[in-house]
């Protein structure tokens, strides 16, 4: 079976898209998955591990007001991270992850396992909200896989629509998620239910 990183490589190669990553909770795991694939260097030149708030601002120029207003674990920050990473690296696409991997650090409003994923593709940005279960490594691995899955879905929808700026992200069962107006002007946010044992 083709891995998600292999599928990502195939799509990047097909459409000649370049990619960067902005990772917080996953700490470089997405980049590590990508470089498992021979030939990925043609499309993936660099990734950013922006673990602290200060690193997000200093390394990829996330607007500090976004973090202050919405919190670091938010759709808005995930969207800003993806857009800012793509702009900083000069790539067609960027994926971002911000969340609480645990086992500590969770609150009632921001529980352990809550992860926001952003994807910016050719100037269009979407985010997903996930609530993963499991230990720290399981949450991080699930988030990394979900980030690449979102990227593949965005590329696929772009191909199907045949339009320059058309997005409509669907879940695996074909049901379209309702989009909110969070995440910045023109961004779309999709809520994912608890993934249970889907690791």
Protein backbone atom coordinates (compact mmCIF):
# COMPACT_ATOMS: atom_id res chain seq x y z
CA UNK A 1 0.00 0.00 0.00
CA UNK A 2 1.24 3.47 -0.89
CA UNK A 3 2.16 5.57 2.14
CA UNK A 4 0.81 9.09 2.57
CA UNK A 5 4.26 10.56 2.01
CA UNK A 6 4.62 8.59 -1.23
CA UNK A 7 1.21 9.79 -2.35
CA UNK A 8 2.22 13.35 -1.51
CA UNK A 9 5.39 13.01 -3.57
CA UNK A 10 3.44 11.63 -6.53
CA UNK A 11 1.05 14.60 -6.49
CA UNK A 12 3.81 17.17 -6.03
CA UNK A 13 5.67 15.65 -8.96
CA UNK A 14 2.57 15.50 -11.15
CA UNK A 15 1.71 19.17 -10.66
CA UNK A 16 5.27 20.44 -10.09
CA UNK A 17 4.30 21.99 -6.75
CA UNK A 18 6.97 22.95 -4.24
CA UNK A 19 6.28 22.43 -0.55
CA UNK A 20 7.41 23.61 2.85
CA UNK A 21 6.28 22.78 6.38
CA UNK A 22 5.73 24.77 9.58
CA UNK A 23 5.59 22.41 12.54
CA UNK A 24 4.96 23.01 16.20
CA UNK A 25 3.48 19.98 17.96
CA UNK A 26 4.89 17.54 15.40
CA UNK A 27 8.41 18.93 15.81
CA UNK A 28 9.70 18.06 12.34
CA UNK A 29 7.86 14.76 11.95
CA UNK A 30 6.18 15.81 8.69
CA UNK A 31 9.53 16.76 7.19
CA UNK A 32 10.99 13.48 8.39
CA UNK A 33 8.20 11.54 6.69
CA UNK A 34 8.71 13.42 3.45
CA UNK A 35 12.44 12.81 3.25
CA UNK A 36 11.81 9.07 3.48
CA UNK A 37 10.81 9.31 -0.19
CA UNK A 38 13.62 9.27 -2.79
CA UNK A 39 13.44 12.28 -5.10
CA UNK A 40 11.47 14.50 -2.71
CA UNK A 41 14.29 17.07 -2.69
CA UNK A 42 13.09 18.31 -6.08
CA UNK A 43 9.93 19.63 -4.42
CA UNK A 44 10.78 19.90 -0.71
CA UNK A 45 13.80 22.07 0.05
CA UNK A 46 13.17 23.19 3.62
CA UNK A 47 10.89 22.94 6.61
CA UNK A 48 10.49 24.98 9.77
CA UNK A 49 10.20 23.69 13.32
CA UNK A 50 8.56 26.66 15.04
CA UNK A 51 7.92 25.18 18.46
CA UNK A 52 7.67 28.38 20.47
CA UNK A 53 5.51 31.42 19.83
CA UNK A 54 8.66 33.48 19.35
CA UNK A 55 9.97 31.04 16.72
CA UNK A 56 6.75 31.31 14.74
CA UNK A 57 7.17 35.07 14.61
CA UNK A 58 10.93 35.14 14.04
CA UNK A 59 11.32 32.29 11.56
CA UNK A 60 8.25 32.59 9.33
CA UNK A 61 6.79 35.99 10.31
CA UNK A 62 3.52 34.84 11.84
CA UNK A 63 1.66 37.93 13.00
CA UNK A 64 2.06 38.04 16.81
CA UNK A 65 -1.41 39.62 17.02
CA UNK A 66 -2.89 36.40 15.62
CA UNK A 67 -1.39 34.40 18.48
CA UNK A 68 -2.34 37.01 21.06
CA UNK A 69 -5.94 37.26 19.89
CA UNK A 70 -6.78 33.64 19.10
CA UNK A 71 -4.16 31.62 20.98
CA UNK A 72 -1.34 29.56 19.58
CA UNK A 73 -3.55 26.46 19.28
CA UNK A 74 -6.21 27.80 16.94
CA UNK A 75 -7.39 27.66 13.35
CA UNK A 76 -6.27 31.23 12.87
CA UNK A 77 -2.72 30.52 13.95
CA UNK A 78 -2.54 27.35 11.85
CA UNK A 79 -3.69 29.34 8.82
CA UNK A 80 -1.20 32.12 9.50
CA UNK A 81 1.59 29.57 9.91
CA UNK A 82 0.80 27.93 6.56
CA UNK A 83 0.52 31.20 4.67
CA UNK A 84 3.63 32.65 6.30
CA UNK A 85 5.72 29.53 5.68
CA UNK A 86 4.77 29.45 1.99
CA UNK A 87 5.61 33.12 1.66
CA UNK A 88 8.91 32.80 3.53
CA UNK A 89 10.09 29.75 1.60
CA UNK A 90 8.66 30.90 -1.73
CA UNK A 91 6.78 27.64 -2.28
CA UNK A 92 3.49 26.76 -3.94
CA UNK A 93 2.28 24.88 -0.86
CA UNK A 94 2.77 24.72 2.88
CA UNK A 95 1.29 22.64 5.67
CA UNK A 96 1.28 23.64 9.33
CA UNK A 97 0.51 21.98 12.64
CA UNK A 98 -0.19 23.49 16.05
CA UNK A 99 -1.70 21.60 18.97
CA UNK A 100 -1.40 19.96 22.37
CA UNK A 101 0.32 16.57 22.16
CA UNK A 102 0.24 15.95 25.92
CA UNK A 103 0.36 14.37 28.32
CA UNK A 104 0.48 17.74 30.09
CA UNK A 105 -0.60 21.18 29.01
CA UNK A 106 -4.26 20.52 28.27
CA UNK A 107 -7.15 22.65 29.51
CA UNK A 108 -10.92 22.38 29.28
CA UNK A 109 -10.94 24.70 26.27
CA UNK A 110 -7.77 23.28 24.74
CA UNK A 111 -7.56 19.60 25.70
CA UNK A 112 -4.72 17.20 25.07
CA UNK A 113 -5.08 15.86 21.54
CA UNK A 114 -6.51 19.06 20.07
CA UNK A 115 -4.65 19.86 16.86
CA UNK A 116 -5.20 22.44 14.14
CA UNK A 117 -3.73 21.78 10.72
CA UNK A 118 -3.32 24.37 8.00
CA UNK A 119 -2.72 24.01 4.29
CA UNK A 120 -1.90 26.86 1.95
CA UNK A 121 -1.91 25.94 -1.73
CA UNK A 122 -1.35 28.59 -4.40
CA UNK A 123 -2.60 31.31 -2.08
CA UNK A 124 -5.73 29.50 -0.84
CA UNK A 125 -5.75 28.40 2.80
CA UNK A 126 -7.86 25.82 4.61
CA UNK A 127 -7.59 24.48 8.15
CA UNK A 128 -8.84 21.41 9.97
CA UNK A 129 -9.57 20.88 13.65
CA UNK A 130 -8.80 17.41 14.98
CA UNK A 131 -9.17 15.85 18.42
CA UNK A 132 -6.84 12.86 18.54
CA UNK A 133 -6.61 10.29 21.31
CA UNK A 134 -3.60 8.29 22.42
CA UNK A 135 -0.23 9.04 23.94
CA UNK A 136 2.07 11.88 22.90
CA UNK A 137 3.72 10.00 20.06
CA UNK A 138 0.37 8.77 18.71
CA UNK A 139 -1.07 12.28 18.68
CA UNK A 140 2.00 13.65 16.91
CA UNK A 141 2.07 10.86 14.34
CA UNK A 142 -1.66 11.19 13.65
CA UNK A 143 -1.27 14.94 13.20
CA UNK A 144 1.63 14.53 10.77
CA UNK A 145 -0.30 12.04 8.69
CA UNK A 146 -3.40 14.24 8.76
CA UNK A 147 -1.38 17.22 7.51
CA UNK A 148 -0.17 15.36 4.44
CA UNK A 149 -3.64 13.92 3.91
CA UNK A 150 -5.08 17.44 3.91
CA UNK A 151 -2.47 18.58 1.39
CA UNK A 152 -3.31 15.68 -0.92
CA UNK A 153 -7.02 16.44 -0.59
CA UNK A 154 -6.47 20.11 -1.46
CA UNK A 155 -4.45 19.18 -4.53
CA UNK A 156 -7.08 16.65 -5.53
CA UNK A 157 -9.92 19.13 -5.17
CA UNK A 158 -7.99 21.68 -7.18
CA UNK A 159 -7.58 19.14 -9.95
CA UNK A 160 -11.25 18.11 -9.89
CA UNK A 161 -12.59 21.65 -9.86
CA UNK A 162 -10.45 22.74 -12.77
CA UNK A 163 -10.59 26.25 -11.36
CA UNK A 164 -7.69 28.38 -10.15
CA UNK A 165 -9.07 29.15 -6.70
CA UNK A 166 -11.77 26.55 -5.98
CA UNK A 167 -11.75 24.42 -2.83
CA UNK A 168 -14.30 22.07 -1.28
CA UNK A 169 -12.65 19.62 1.09
CA UNK A 170 -14.47 16.33 1.73
CA UNK A 171 -14.06 13.60 4.27
CA UNK A 172 -13.39 10.03 3.29
CA UNK A 173 -17.10 9.17 3.21
CA UNK A 174 -17.84 11.93 0.73
CA UNK A 175 -19.59 14.19 3.21
CA UNK A 176 -18.56 17.80 2.93
CA UNK A 177 -17.64 19.47 6.20
CA UNK A 178 -19.34 22.73 7.02
CA UNK A 179 -16.90 25.61 6.76
CA UNK A 180 -16.69 28.35 9.33
CA UNK A 181 -15.51 31.92 8.85
CA UNK A 182 -12.56 31.44 11.17
CA UNK A 183 -8.91 31.47 10.22
CA UNK A 184 -8.65 34.77 8.39
CA UNK A 185 -10.12 36.37 5.31
CA UNK A 186 -11.15 33.73 2.82
CA UNK A 187 -9.91 30.81 4.91
CA UNK A 188 -12.03 27.73 5.53
CA UNK A 189 -12.01 25.64 8.69
CA UNK A 190 -13.26 22.06 8.94
CA UNK A 191 -14.00 20.31 12.19
CA UNK A 192 -12.96 16.69 12.59
CA UNK A 193 -14.48 14.43 15.26
CA UNK A 194 -12.47 12.38 17.73
CA UNK A 195 -10.36 9.96 15.70
CA UNK A 196 -10.57 7.23 18.35
CA UNK A 197 -8.15 4.44 17.51
CA UNK A 198 -7.37 5.70 14.02
CA UNK A 199 -3.60 5.69 14.40
